[in-house]
Amino acid sequence: MLAGAEVNFMRSLAPLQKFDRVTRIVTWDEEYFYLGGVTI
C-alpha cells in the first residue's frame, strides 16, 4: 500500500514516452518506509 508519492520531472515527456525510475529505501520507521530516487 502506498501512502503518498510526488514525482517532479525536469523536462516534459512525450505522450507514451518510456522512462526509467531508480529508487532506493532512504529510511524507515515503525509505520512507513521512505523512498528516494531519480528518473533517467
PDB file of N, CA and C in Angstrom:
ATOM      1  N   MET A   1       0.840  -1.165   0.000  1.00  0.00           N
ATOM      2  CA  MET A   1       0.000   0.000   0.000  1.00  0.00           C
ATOM      3  C   MET A   1       0.893   1.238   0.000  1.00  0.00           C
ATOM      4  N   LEU A   2       0.535   2.213  -0.781  1.00  0.00           N
ATOM      5  CA  LEU A   2       1.279   3.450  -0.901  1.00  0.00           C
ATOM      6  C   LEU A   2       0.533   4.565  -0.181  1.00  0.00           C
ATOM      7  N   ALA A   3       1.238   5.282   0.700  1.00  0.00           N
ATOM      8  CA  ALA A   3       0.605   6.374   1.448  1.00  0.00           C
ATOM      9  C   ALA A   3       0.616   7.677   0.662  1.00  0.00           C
ATOM     10  N   GLY A   4       1.627   7.891  -0.155  1.00  0.00           N
ATOM     11  CA  GLY A   4       1.699   9.116  -0.932  1.00  0.00           C
ATOM     12  C   GLY A   4       2.909   9.097  -1.838  1.00  0.00           C
ATOM     13  N   ALA A   5       2.883   9.917  -2.883  1.00  0.00           N
ATOM     14  CA  ALA A   5       4.003   9.994  -3.816  1.00  0.00           C
ATOM     15  C   ALA A   5       4.047  11.373  -4.444  1.00  0.00           C
ATOM     16  N   GLU A   6       5.252  11.802  -4.773  1.00  0.00           N
ATOM     17  CA  GLU A   6       5.451  13.052  -5.505  1.00  0.00           C
ATOM     18  C   GLU A   6       6.587  12.824  -6.480  1.00  0.00           C
ATOM     19  N   VAL A   7       6.331  13.114  -7.754  1.00  0.00           N
ATOM     20  CA  VAL A   7       7.348  12.976  -8.793  1.00  0.00           C
ATOM     21  C   VAL A   7       7.404  14.291  -9.555  1.00  0.00           C
ATOM     22  N   ASN A   8       8.585  14.872  -9.644  1.00  0.00           N
ATOM     23  CA  ASN A   8       8.788  16.121 -10.383  1.00  0.00           C
ATOM     24  C   ASN A   8       9.741  15.848 -11.535  1.00  0.00           C
ATOM     25  N   PHE A   9       9.317  16.174 -12.750  1.00  0.00           N
ATOM     26  CA  PHE A   9      10.152  15.990 -13.925  1.00  0.00           C
ATOM     27  C   PHE A   9      10.806  17.312 -14.297  1.00  0.00           C
ATOM     28  N   MET A  10      12.089  17.280 -14.636  1.00  0.00           N
ATOM     29  CA  MET A  10      12.829  18.480 -15.009  1.00  0.00           C
ATOM     30  C   MET A  10      12.495  18.932 -16.429  1.00  0.00           C
ATOM     31  N   ARG A  11      12.070  18.013 -17.283  1.00  0.00           N
ATOM     32  CA  ARG A  11      11.644  18.367 -18.631  1.00  0.00           C
ATOM     33  C   ARG A  11      10.431  17.532 -19.007  1.00  0.00           C
ATOM     34  N   SER A  12       9.740  17.957 -20.019  1.00  0.00           N
ATOM     35  CA  SER A  12       8.489  17.310 -20.421  1.00  0.00           C
ATOM     36  C   SER A  12       8.748  15.932 -21.029  1.00  0.00           C
ATOM     37  N   LEU A  13       7.757  15.062 -20.883  1.00  0.00           N
ATOM     38  CA  LEU A  13       7.760  13.769 -21.548  1.00  0.00           C
ATOM     39  C   LEU A  13       6.721  13.793 -22.657  1.00  0.00           C
ATOM     40  N   ALA A  14       7.054  13.134 -23.753  1.00  0.00           N
ATOM     41  CA  ALA A  14       6.077  12.988 -24.830  1.00  0.00           C
ATOM     42  C   ALA A  14       5.029  11.969 -24.395  1.00  0.00           C
ATOM     43  N   PRO A  15       3.823  12.036 -24.965  1.00  0.00           N
ATOM     44  CA  PRO A  15       2.814  11.024 -24.632  1.00  0.00           C
ATOM     45  C   PRO A  15       3.341   9.616 -24.929  1.00  0.00           C
ATOM     46  N   LEU A  16       3.187   8.731 -23.959  1.00  0.00           N
ATOM     47  CA  LEU A  16       3.611   7.321 -24.041  1.00  0.00           C
ATOM     48  C   LEU A  16       5.122   7.141 -24.128  1.00  0.00           C
ATOM     49  N   GLN A  17       5.899   8.189 -23.850  1.00  0.00           N
ATOM     50  CA  GLN A  17       7.360   8.058 -23.859  1.00  0.00           C
ATOM     51  C   GLN A  17       7.796   7.190 -22.683  1.00  0.00           C
ATOM     52  N   LYS A  18       8.694   6.260 -22.941  1.00  0.00           N
ATOM     53  CA  LYS A  18       9.208   5.396 -21.870  1.00  0.00           C
ATOM     54  C   LYS A  18      10.260   6.140 -21.061  1.00  0.00           C
ATOM     55  N   PHE A  19      10.350   5.791 -19.771  1.00  0.00           N
ATOM     56  CA  PHE A  19      11.387   6.335 -18.914  1.00  0.00           C
ATOM     57  C   PHE A  19      11.683   5.309 -17.828  1.00  0.00           C
ATOM     58  N   ASP A  20      12.833   5.418 -17.201  1.00  0.00           N
ATOM     59  CA  ASP A  20      13.235   4.530 -16.114  1.00  0.00           C
ATOM     60  C   ASP A  20      13.264   5.310 -14.819  1.00  0.00           C
ATOM     61  N   ARG A  21      12.855   4.642 -13.752  1.00  0.00           N
ATOM     62  CA  ARG A  21      12.863   5.233 -12.409  1.00  0.00           C
ATOM     63  C   ARG A  21      13.693   4.320 -11.517  1.00  0.00           C
ATOM     64  N   VAL A  22      14.728   4.872 -10.899  1.00  0.00           N
ATOM     65  CA  VAL A  22      15.592   4.120  -9.991  1.00  0.00           C
ATOM     66  C   VAL A  22      15.294   4.608  -8.580  1.00  0.00           C
ATOM     67  N   THR A  23      14.889   3.705  -7.695  1.00  0.00           N
ATOM     68  CA  THR A  23      14.540   4.096  -6.331  1.00  0.00           C
ATOM     69  C   THR A  23      15.348   3.288  -5.321  1.00  0.00           C
ATOM     70  N   ARG A  24      15.439   3.832  -4.128  1.00  0.00           N
ATOM     71  CA  ARG A  24      16.081   3.123  -3.019  1.00  0.00           C
ATOM     72  C   ARG A  24      15.390   3.527  -1.722  1.00  0.00           C
ATOM     73  N   ILE A  25      15.489   2.680  -0.732  1.00  0.00           N
ATOM     74  CA  ILE A  25      14.945   2.995   0.593  1.00  0.00           C
ATOM     75  C   ILE A  25      15.924   3.945   1.278  1.00  0.00           C
ATOM     76  N   VAL A  26      15.436   5.116   1.675  1.00  0.00           N
ATOM     77  CA  VAL A  26      16.275   6.119   2.330  1.00  0.00           C
ATOM     78  C   VAL A  26      16.289   5.876   3.837  1.00  0.00           C
ATOM     79  N   THR A  27      15.102   5.661   4.422  1.00  0.00           N
ATOM     80  CA  THR A  27      14.988   5.393   5.860  1.00  0.00           C
ATOM     81  C   THR A  27      13.628   4.750   6.121  1.00  0.00           C
ATOM     82  N   TRP A  28      13.372   4.386   7.357  1.00  0.00           N
ATOM     83  CA  TRP A  28      12.090   3.806   7.724  1.00  0.00           C
ATOM     84  C   TRP A  28      11.818   4.062   9.198  1.00  0.00           C
ATOM     85  N   ASP A  29      10.563   3.903   9.568  1.00  0.00           N
ATOM     86  CA  ASP A  29      10.175   3.987  10.970  1.00  0.00           C
ATOM     87  C   ASP A  29       9.202   2.843  11.254  1.00  0.00           C
ATOM     88  N   GLU A  30       8.478   2.917  12.349  1.00  0.00           N
ATOM     89  CA  GLU A  30       7.597   1.819  12.748  1.00  0.00           C
ATOM     90  C   GLU A  30       6.440   1.606  11.771  1.00  0.00           C
ATOM     91  N   GLU A  31       6.067   2.637  11.034  1.00  0.00           N
ATOM     92  CA  GLU A  31       4.872   2.568  10.201  1.00  0.00           C
ATOM     93  C   GLU A  31       5.148   2.632   8.703  1.00  0.00           C
ATOM     94  N   TYR A  32       6.169   3.373   8.286  1.00  0.00           N
ATOM     95  CA  TYR A  32       6.411   3.625   6.867  1.00  0.00           C
ATOM     96  C   TYR A  32       7.870   3.405   6.516  1.00  0.00           C
ATOM     97  N   PHE A  33       8.118   3.244   5.213  1.00  0.00           N
ATOM     98  CA  PHE A  33       9.476   3.391   4.732  1.00  0.00           C
ATOM     99  C   PHE A  33       9.460   4.475   3.668  1.00  0.00           C
ATOM    100  N   TYR A  34      10.607   5.156   3.503  1.00  0.00           N
ATOM    101  CA  TYR A  34      10.693   6.344   2.678  1.00  0.00           C
ATOM    102  C   TYR A  34      11.666   6.090   1.536  1.00  0.00           C
ATOM    103  N   LEU A  35      11.200   6.372   0.320  1.00  0.00           N
ATOM    104  CA  LEU A  35      11.981   6.115  -0.872  1.00  0.00           C
ATOM    105  C   LEU A  35      12.526   7.406  -1.452  1.00  0.00           C
ATOM    106  N   GLY A  36      13.690   7.309  -2.044  1.00  0.00           N
ATOM    107  CA  GLY A  36      14.262   8.411  -2.817  1.00  0.00           C
ATOM    108  C   GLY A  36      14.686   7.833  -4.146  1.00  0.00           C
ATOM    109  N   GLY A  37      14.782   8.671  -5.155  1.00  0.00           N
ATOM    110  CA  GLY A  37      15.187   8.132  -6.438  1.00  0.00           C
ATOM    111  C   GLY A  37      15.360   9.176  -7.507  1.00  0.00           C
ATOM    112  N   VAL A  38      15.744   8.700  -8.687  1.00  0.00           N
ATOM    113  CA  VAL A  38      15.931   9.550  -9.849  1.00  0.00           C
ATOM    114  C   VAL A  38      15.263   8.917 -11.044  1.00  0.00           C
ATOM    115  N   THR A  39      14.863   9.759 -11.971  1.00  0.00           N
ATOM    116  CA  THR A  39      14.318   9.296 -13.243  1.00  0.00           C
ATOM    117  C   THR A  39      15.378   9.512 -14.302  1.00  0.00           C
ATOM    118  N   ILE A  40      15.677   8.448 -15.046  1.00  0.00           N
ATOM    119  CA  ILE A  40      16.715   8.549 -16.080  1.00  0.00           C
ATOM    120  C   ILE A  40      16.151   8.224 -17.443  1.00  0.00           C
TER     121      ILE A  40
END
